[in-house]
Amino acid sequence: MDRDKKYFNCSQKHEINYLAGKFLEPKDIIVAKIVELCKNKTIHYSTHEEAEQLLIKSGFTKK
C-alpha cells in the first residue's frame, strides 16, 4: 500500500489539484492538461515526480 502513495492517481481529484497548484499557469489550464495526460495514459502509473516532469516538458512553469 505504501508503494501506491508514490504513484500519481488520475482518479483522485485532490491529487490533480495538488499537482496543478505546483505550477504558475492558471489552474484550470493545468488541470485540463493533467486530465488529457491521464486520458491518453501518458501519466498512468507514473510517479508524482514523473508527472511533474511531463508537465514541465509540456511547457508549464513550476513555482
PDB file of N, CA and C in Angstrom:
ATOM      1  N   MET A   1       0.819  -1.197   0.000  1.00  0.00           N
ATOM      2  CA  MET A   1       0.000   0.000   0.000  1.00  0.00           C
ATOM      3  C   MET A   1       0.861   1.259   0.000  1.00  0.00           C
ATOM      4  N   ASP A   2       1.990   1.270   0.683  1.00  0.00           N
ATOM      5  CA  ASP A   2       2.870   2.421   0.688  1.00  0.00           C
ATOM      6  C   ASP A   2       3.401   2.720  -0.708  1.00  0.00           C
ATOM      7  N   ARG A   3       3.604   1.681  -1.507  1.00  0.00           N
ATOM      8  CA  ARG A   3       4.076   1.878  -2.880  1.00  0.00           C
ATOM      9  C   ARG A   3       3.096   2.718  -3.673  1.00  0.00           C
ATOM     10  N   ASP A   4       1.792   2.543  -3.406  1.00  0.00           N
ATOM     11  CA  ASP A   4       0.771   3.284  -4.133  1.00  0.00           C
ATOM     12  C   ASP A   4       0.876   4.787  -3.898  1.00  0.00           C
ATOM     13  N   LYS A   5       1.376   5.207  -2.753  1.00  0.00           N
ATOM     14  CA  LYS A   5       1.488   6.628  -2.432  1.00  0.00           C
ATOM     15  C   LYS A   5       2.483   7.338  -3.333  1.00  0.00           C
ATOM     16  N   LYS A   6       3.443   6.614  -3.866  1.00  0.00           N
ATOM     17  CA  LYS A   6       4.452   7.260  -4.709  1.00  0.00           C
ATOM     18  C   LYS A   6       3.952   7.474  -6.140  1.00  0.00           C
ATOM     19  N   TYR A   7       2.868   6.811  -6.507  1.00  0.00           N
ATOM     20  CA  TYR A   7       2.328   6.937  -7.858  1.00  0.00           C
ATOM     21  C   TYR A   7       1.205   7.956  -7.921  1.00  0.00           C
ATOM     22  N   PHE A   8       1.191   8.725  -9.008  1.00  0.00           N
ATOM     23  CA  PHE A   8       0.143   9.703  -9.236  1.00  0.00           C
ATOM     24  C   PHE A   8      -1.139   8.962  -9.590  1.00  0.00           C
ATOM     25  N   ASN A   9      -2.228   9.323  -8.941  1.00  0.00           N
ATOM     26  CA  ASN A   9      -3.503   8.651  -9.146  1.00  0.00           C
ATOM     27  C   ASN A   9      -4.447   9.587  -9.898  1.00  0.00           C
ATOM     28  N   CYS A  10      -4.663   9.294 -11.163  1.00  0.00           N
ATOM     29  CA  CYS A  10      -5.511  10.130 -12.016  1.00  0.00           C
ATOM     30  C   CYS A  10      -6.964  10.198 -11.550  1.00  0.00           C
ATOM     31  N   SER A  11      -7.406   9.231 -10.787  1.00  0.00           N
ATOM     32  CA  SER A  11      -8.807   9.216 -10.372  1.00  0.00           C
ATOM     33  C   SER A  11      -9.049  10.021  -9.100  1.00  0.00           C
ATOM     34  N   GLN A  12      -8.000  10.569  -8.515  1.00  0.00           N
ATOM     35  CA  GLN A  12      -8.134  11.348  -7.282  1.00  0.00           C
ATOM     36  C   GLN A  12      -8.058  12.844  -7.591  1.00  0.00           C
ATOM     37  N   LYS A  13      -9.197  13.524  -7.456  1.00  0.00           N
ATOM     38  CA  LYS A  13      -9.264  14.944  -7.774  1.00  0.00           C
ATOM     39  C   LYS A  13      -8.287  15.763  -6.928  1.00  0.00           C
ATOM     40  N   HIS A  14      -8.110  15.385  -5.657  1.00  0.00           N
ATOM     41  CA  HIS A  14      -7.200  16.145  -4.804  1.00  0.00           C
ATOM     42  C   HIS A  14      -5.750  16.035  -5.290  1.00  0.00           C
ATOM     43  N   GLU A  15      -5.393  14.914  -5.883  1.00  0.00           N
ATOM     44  CA  GLU A  15      -4.034  14.769  -6.426  1.00  0.00           C
ATOM     45  C   GLU A  15      -3.855  15.642  -7.665  1.00  0.00           C
ATOM     46  N   ILE A  16      -4.864  15.693  -8.497  1.00  0.00           N
ATOM     47  CA  ILE A  16      -4.816  16.542  -9.690  1.00  0.00           C
ATOM     48  C   ILE A  16      -4.690  18.007  -9.274  1.00  0.00           C
ATOM     49  N   ASN A  17      -5.497  18.425  -8.302  1.00  0.00           N
ATOM     50  CA  ASN A  17      -5.456  19.808  -7.843  1.00  0.00           C
ATOM     51  C   ASN A  17      -4.122  20.143  -7.170  1.00  0.00           C
ATOM     52  N   TYR A  18      -3.595  19.208  -6.411  1.00  0.00           N
ATOM     53  CA  TYR A  18      -2.306  19.424  -5.750  1.00  0.00           C
ATOM     54  C   TYR A  18      -1.192  19.619  -6.789  1.00  0.00           C
ATOM     55  N   LEU A  19      -1.166  18.742  -7.778  1.00  0.00           N
ATOM     56  CA  LEU A  19      -0.154  18.841  -8.831  1.00  0.00           C
ATOM     57  C   LEU A  19      -0.320  20.157  -9.597  1.00  0.00           C
ATOM     58  N   ALA A  20      -1.542  20.518  -9.927  1.00  0.00           N
ATOM     59  CA  ALA A  20      -1.796  21.762 -10.660  1.00  0.00           C
ATOM     60  C   ALA A  20      -1.338  22.976  -9.856  1.00  0.00           C
ATOM     61  N   GLY A  21      -1.468  22.910  -8.546  1.00  0.00           N
ATOM     62  CA  GLY A  21      -1.068  24.015  -7.684  1.00  0.00           C
ATOM     63  C   GLY A  21       0.433  24.247  -7.619  1.00  0.00           C
ATOM     64  N   LYS A  22       1.212  23.328  -8.157  1.00  0.00           N
ATOM     65  CA  LYS A  22       2.670  23.464  -8.152  1.00  0.00           C
ATOM     66  C   LYS A  22       3.191  24.274  -9.334  1.00  0.00           C
ATOM     67  N   PHE A  23       2.278  24.746 -10.184  1.00  0.00           N
ATOM     68  CA  PHE A  23       2.677  25.448 -11.400  1.00  0.00           C
ATOM     69  C   PHE A  23       2.109  26.862 -11.436  1.00  0.00           C
ATOM     70  N   LEU A  24       2.784  27.734 -12.189  1.00  0.00           N
ATOM     71  CA  LEU A  24       2.430  29.153 -12.254  1.00  0.00           C
ATOM     72  C   LEU A  24       1.215  29.440 -13.138  1.00  0.00           C
ATOM     73  N   GLU A  25       0.998  28.645 -14.142  1.00  0.00           N
ATOM     74  CA  GLU A  25      -0.090  28.895 -15.088  1.00  0.00           C
ATOM     75  C   GLU A  25      -1.449  28.746 -14.378  1.00  0.00           C
ATOM     76  N   PRO A  26      -2.510  29.313 -14.996  1.00  0.00           N
ATOM     77  CA  PRO A  26      -3.845  29.194 -14.396  1.00  0.00           C
ATOM     78  C   PRO A  26      -4.210  27.722 -14.134  1.00  0.00           C
ATOM     79  N   LYS A  27      -4.791  27.506 -12.968  1.00  0.00           N
ATOM     80  CA  LYS A  27      -5.087  26.148 -12.514  1.00  0.00           C
ATOM     81  C   LYS A  27      -5.956  25.372 -13.502  1.00  0.00           C
ATOM     82  N   ASP A  28      -6.964  26.030 -14.082  1.00  0.00           N
ATOM     83  CA  ASP A  28      -7.858  25.317 -14.996  1.00  0.00           C
ATOM     84  C   ASP A  28      -7.129  24.801 -16.231  1.00  0.00           C
ATOM     85  N   ILE A  29      -6.124  25.543 -16.685  1.00  0.00           N
ATOM     86  CA  ILE A  29      -5.343  25.112 -17.844  1.00  0.00           C
ATOM     87  C   ILE A  29      -4.477  23.901 -17.484  1.00  0.00           C
ATOM     88  N   ILE A  30      -3.865  23.954 -16.314  1.00  0.00           N
ATOM     89  CA  ILE A  30      -3.027  22.834 -15.857  1.00  0.00           C
ATOM     90  C   ILE A  30      -3.889  21.595 -15.633  1.00  0.00           C
ATOM     91  N   VAL A  31      -5.032  21.769 -14.983  1.00  0.00           N
ATOM     92  CA  VAL A  31      -5.923  20.633 -14.718  1.00  0.00           C
ATOM     93  C   VAL A  31      -6.354  19.990 -16.031  1.00  0.00           C
ATOM     94  N   ALA A  32      -6.693  20.808 -17.019  1.00  0.00           N
ATOM     95  CA  ALA A  32      -7.099  20.267 -18.327  1.00  0.00           C
ATOM     96  C   ALA A  32      -5.974  19.439 -18.942  1.00  0.00           C
ATOM     97  N   LYS A  33      -4.733  19.914 -18.822  1.00  0.00           N
ATOM     98  CA  LYS A  33      -3.595  19.171 -19.371  1.00  0.00           C
ATOM     99  C   LYS A  33      -3.388  17.865 -18.610  1.00  0.00           C
ATOM    100  N   ILE A  34      -3.510  17.911 -17.285  1.00  0.00           N
ATOM    101  CA  ILE A  34      -3.350  16.692 -16.482  1.00  0.00           C
ATOM    102  C   ILE A  34      -4.422  15.671 -16.866  1.00  0.00           C
ATOM    103  N   VAL A  35      -5.652  16.130 -17.015  1.00  0.00           N
ATOM    104  CA  VAL A  35      -6.746  15.228 -17.407  1.00  0.00           C
ATOM    105  C   VAL A  35      -6.461  14.621 -18.780  1.00  0.00           C
ATOM    106  N   GLU A  36      -5.956  15.444 -19.701  1.00  0.00           N
ATOM    107  CA  GLU A  36      -5.583  14.943 -21.035  1.00  0.00           C
ATOM    108  C   GLU A  36      -4.498  13.866 -20.930  1.00  0.00           C
ATOM    109  N   LEU A  37      -3.467  14.137 -20.124  1.00  0.00           N
ATOM    110  CA  LEU A  37      -2.378  13.166 -19.952  1.00  0.00           C
ATOM    111  C   LEU A  37      -2.869  11.883 -19.279  1.00  0.00           C
ATOM    112  N   CYS A  38      -3.855  12.012 -18.414  1.00  0.00           N
ATOM    113  CA  CYS A  38      -4.443  10.824 -17.780  1.00  0.00           C
ATOM    114  C   CYS A  38      -5.243  10.014 -18.801  1.00  0.00           C
ATOM    115  N   LYS A  39      -6.056  10.711 -19.585  1.00  0.00           N
ATOM    116  CA  LYS A  39      -6.902  10.026 -20.568  1.00  0.00           C
ATOM    117  C   LYS A  39      -6.097   9.257 -21.594  1.00  0.00           C
ATOM    118  N   ASN A  40      -4.974   9.847 -22.046  1.00  0.00           N
ATOM    119  CA  ASN A  40      -4.182   9.147 -23.056  1.00  0.00           C
ATOM    120  C   ASN A  40      -3.120   8.239 -22.425  1.00  0.00           C
ATOM    121  N   LYS A  41      -3.229   8.076 -21.106  1.00  0.00           N
ATOM    122  CA  LYS A  41      -2.394   7.153 -20.321  1.00  0.00           C
ATOM    123  C   LYS A  41      -0.911   7.523 -20.291  1.00  0.00           C
ATOM    124  N   THR A  42      -0.593   8.786 -20.601  1.00  0.00           N
ATOM    125  CA  THR A  42       0.793   9.239 -20.556  1.00  0.00           C
ATOM    126  C   THR A  42       1.329   9.221 -19.132  1.00  0.00           C
ATOM    127  N   ILE A  43       0.488   9.598 -18.172  1.00  0.00           N
ATOM    128  CA  ILE A  43       0.953   9.592 -16.780  1.00  0.00           C
ATOM    129  C   ILE A  43       0.318   8.469 -15.967  1.00  0.00           C
ATOM    130  N   HIS A  44      -0.263   7.508 -16.641  1.00  0.00           N
ATOM    131  CA  HIS A  44      -0.815   6.332 -15.975  1.00  0.00           C
ATOM    132  C   HIS A  44       0.344   5.524 -15.377  1.00  0.00           C
ATOM    133  N   TYR A  45       0.278   5.273 -14.087  1.00  0.00           N
ATOM    134  CA  TYR A  45       1.340   4.561 -13.354  1.00  0.00           C
ATOM    135  C   TYR A  45       2.659   5.324 -13.333  1.00  0.00           C
ATOM    136  N   SER A  46       2.591   6.661 -13.396  1.00  0.00           N
ATOM    137  CA  SER A  46       3.780   7.487 -13.258  1.00  0.00           C
ATOM    138  C   SER A  46       3.933   7.870 -11.793  1.00  0.00           C
ATOM    139  N   THR A  47       5.164   8.145 -11.393  1.00  0.00           N
ATOM    140  CA  THR A  47       5.371   8.684 -10.057  1.00  0.00           C
ATOM    141  C   THR A  47       4.950  10.154 -10.084  1.00  0.00           C
ATOM    142  N   HIS A  48       4.826  10.750  -8.917  1.00  0.00           N
ATOM    143  CA  HIS A  48       4.491  12.172  -8.848  1.00  0.00           C
ATOM    144  C   HIS A  48       5.566  12.997  -9.558  1.00  0.00           C
ATOM    145  N   GLU A  49       6.815  12.641  -9.363  1.00  0.00           N
ATOM    146  CA  GLU A  49       7.933  13.359  -9.992  1.00  0.00           C
ATOM    147  C   GLU A  49       7.864  13.237 -11.522  1.00  0.00           C
ATOM    148  N   GLU A  50       7.552  12.058 -12.017  1.00  0.00           N
ATOM    149  CA  GLU A  50       7.439  11.868 -13.473  1.00  0.00           C
ATOM    150  C   GLU A  50       6.294  12.701 -14.042  1.00  0.00           C
ATOM    151  N   ALA A  51       5.188  12.773 -13.317  1.00  0.00           N
ATOM    152  CA  ALA A  51       4.050  13.577 -13.766  1.00  0.00           C
ATOM    153  C   ALA A  51       4.436  15.056 -13.822  1.00  0.00           C
ATOM    154  N   GLU A  52       5.153  15.528 -12.791  1.00  0.00           N
ATOM    155  CA  GLU A  52       5.644  16.910 -12.783  1.00  0.00           C
ATOM    156  C   GLU A  52       6.553  17.178 -13.975  1.00  0.00           C
ATOM    157  N   GLN A  53       7.480  16.270 -14.221  1.00  0.00           N
ATOM    158  CA  GLN A  53       8.437  16.446 -15.318  1.00  0.00           C
ATOM    159  C   GLN A  53       7.733  16.483 -16.676  1.00  0.00           C
ATOM    160  N   LEU A  54       6.694  15.682 -16.842  1.00  0.00           N
ATOM    161  CA  LEU A  54       5.944  15.702 -18.105  1.00  0.00           C
ATOM    162  C   LEU A  54       5.253  17.043 -18.320  1.00  0.00           C
ATOM    163  N   LEU A  55       4.757  17.637 -17.231  1.00  0.00           N
ATOM    164  CA  LEU A  55       4.131  18.967 -17.358  1.00  0.00           C
ATOM    165  C   LEU A  55       5.180  20.024 -17.697  1.00  0.00           C
ATOM    166  N   ILE A  56       6.353  19.921 -17.090  1.00  0.00           N
ATOM    167  CA  ILE A  56       7.436  20.855 -17.398  1.00  0.00           C
ATOM    168  C   ILE A  56       7.835  20.717 -18.866  1.00  0.00           C
ATOM    169  N   LYS A  57       7.952  19.474 -19.342  1.00  0.00           N
ATOM    170  CA  LYS A  57       8.297  19.239 -20.757  1.00  0.00           C
ATOM    171  C   LYS A  57       7.215  19.753 -21.697  1.00  0.00           C
ATOM    172  N   SER A  58       5.972  19.836 -21.173  1.00  0.00           N
ATOM    173  CA  SER A  58       4.855  20.343 -21.984  1.00  0.00           C
ATOM    174  C   SER A  58       4.833  21.868 -22.014  1.00  0.00           C
ATOM    175  N   GLY A  59       5.779  22.497 -21.309  1.00  0.00           N
ATOM    176  CA  GLY A  59       5.902  23.948 -21.363  1.00  0.00           C
ATOM    177  C   GLY A  59       5.389  24.705 -20.160  1.00  0.00           C
ATOM    178  N   PHE A  60       4.981  23.995 -19.119  1.00  0.00           N
ATOM    179  CA  PHE A  60       4.467  24.670 -17.923  1.00  0.00           C
ATOM    180  C   PHE A  60       5.639  24.992 -16.987  1.00  0.00           C
ATOM    181  N   THR A  61       5.435  26.020 -16.155  1.00  0.00           N
ATOM    182  CA  THR A  61       6.492  26.518 -15.277  1.00  0.00           C
ATOM    183  C   THR A  61       6.165  26.185 -13.821  1.00  0.00           C
ATOM    184  N   LYS A  62       7.084  25.472 -13.188  1.00  0.00           N
ATOM    185  CA  LYS A  62       6.899  25.116 -11.783  1.00  0.00           C
ATOM    186  C   LYS A  62       7.180  26.341 -10.912  1.00  0.00           C
ATOM    187  N   LYS A  63       6.408  26.474  -9.846  1.00  0.00           N
ATOM    188  CA  LYS A  63       6.583  27.594  -8.906  1.00  0.00           C
ATOM    189  C   LYS A  63       7.914  27.524  -8.215  1.00  0.00           C
TER     190      LYS A  63
END
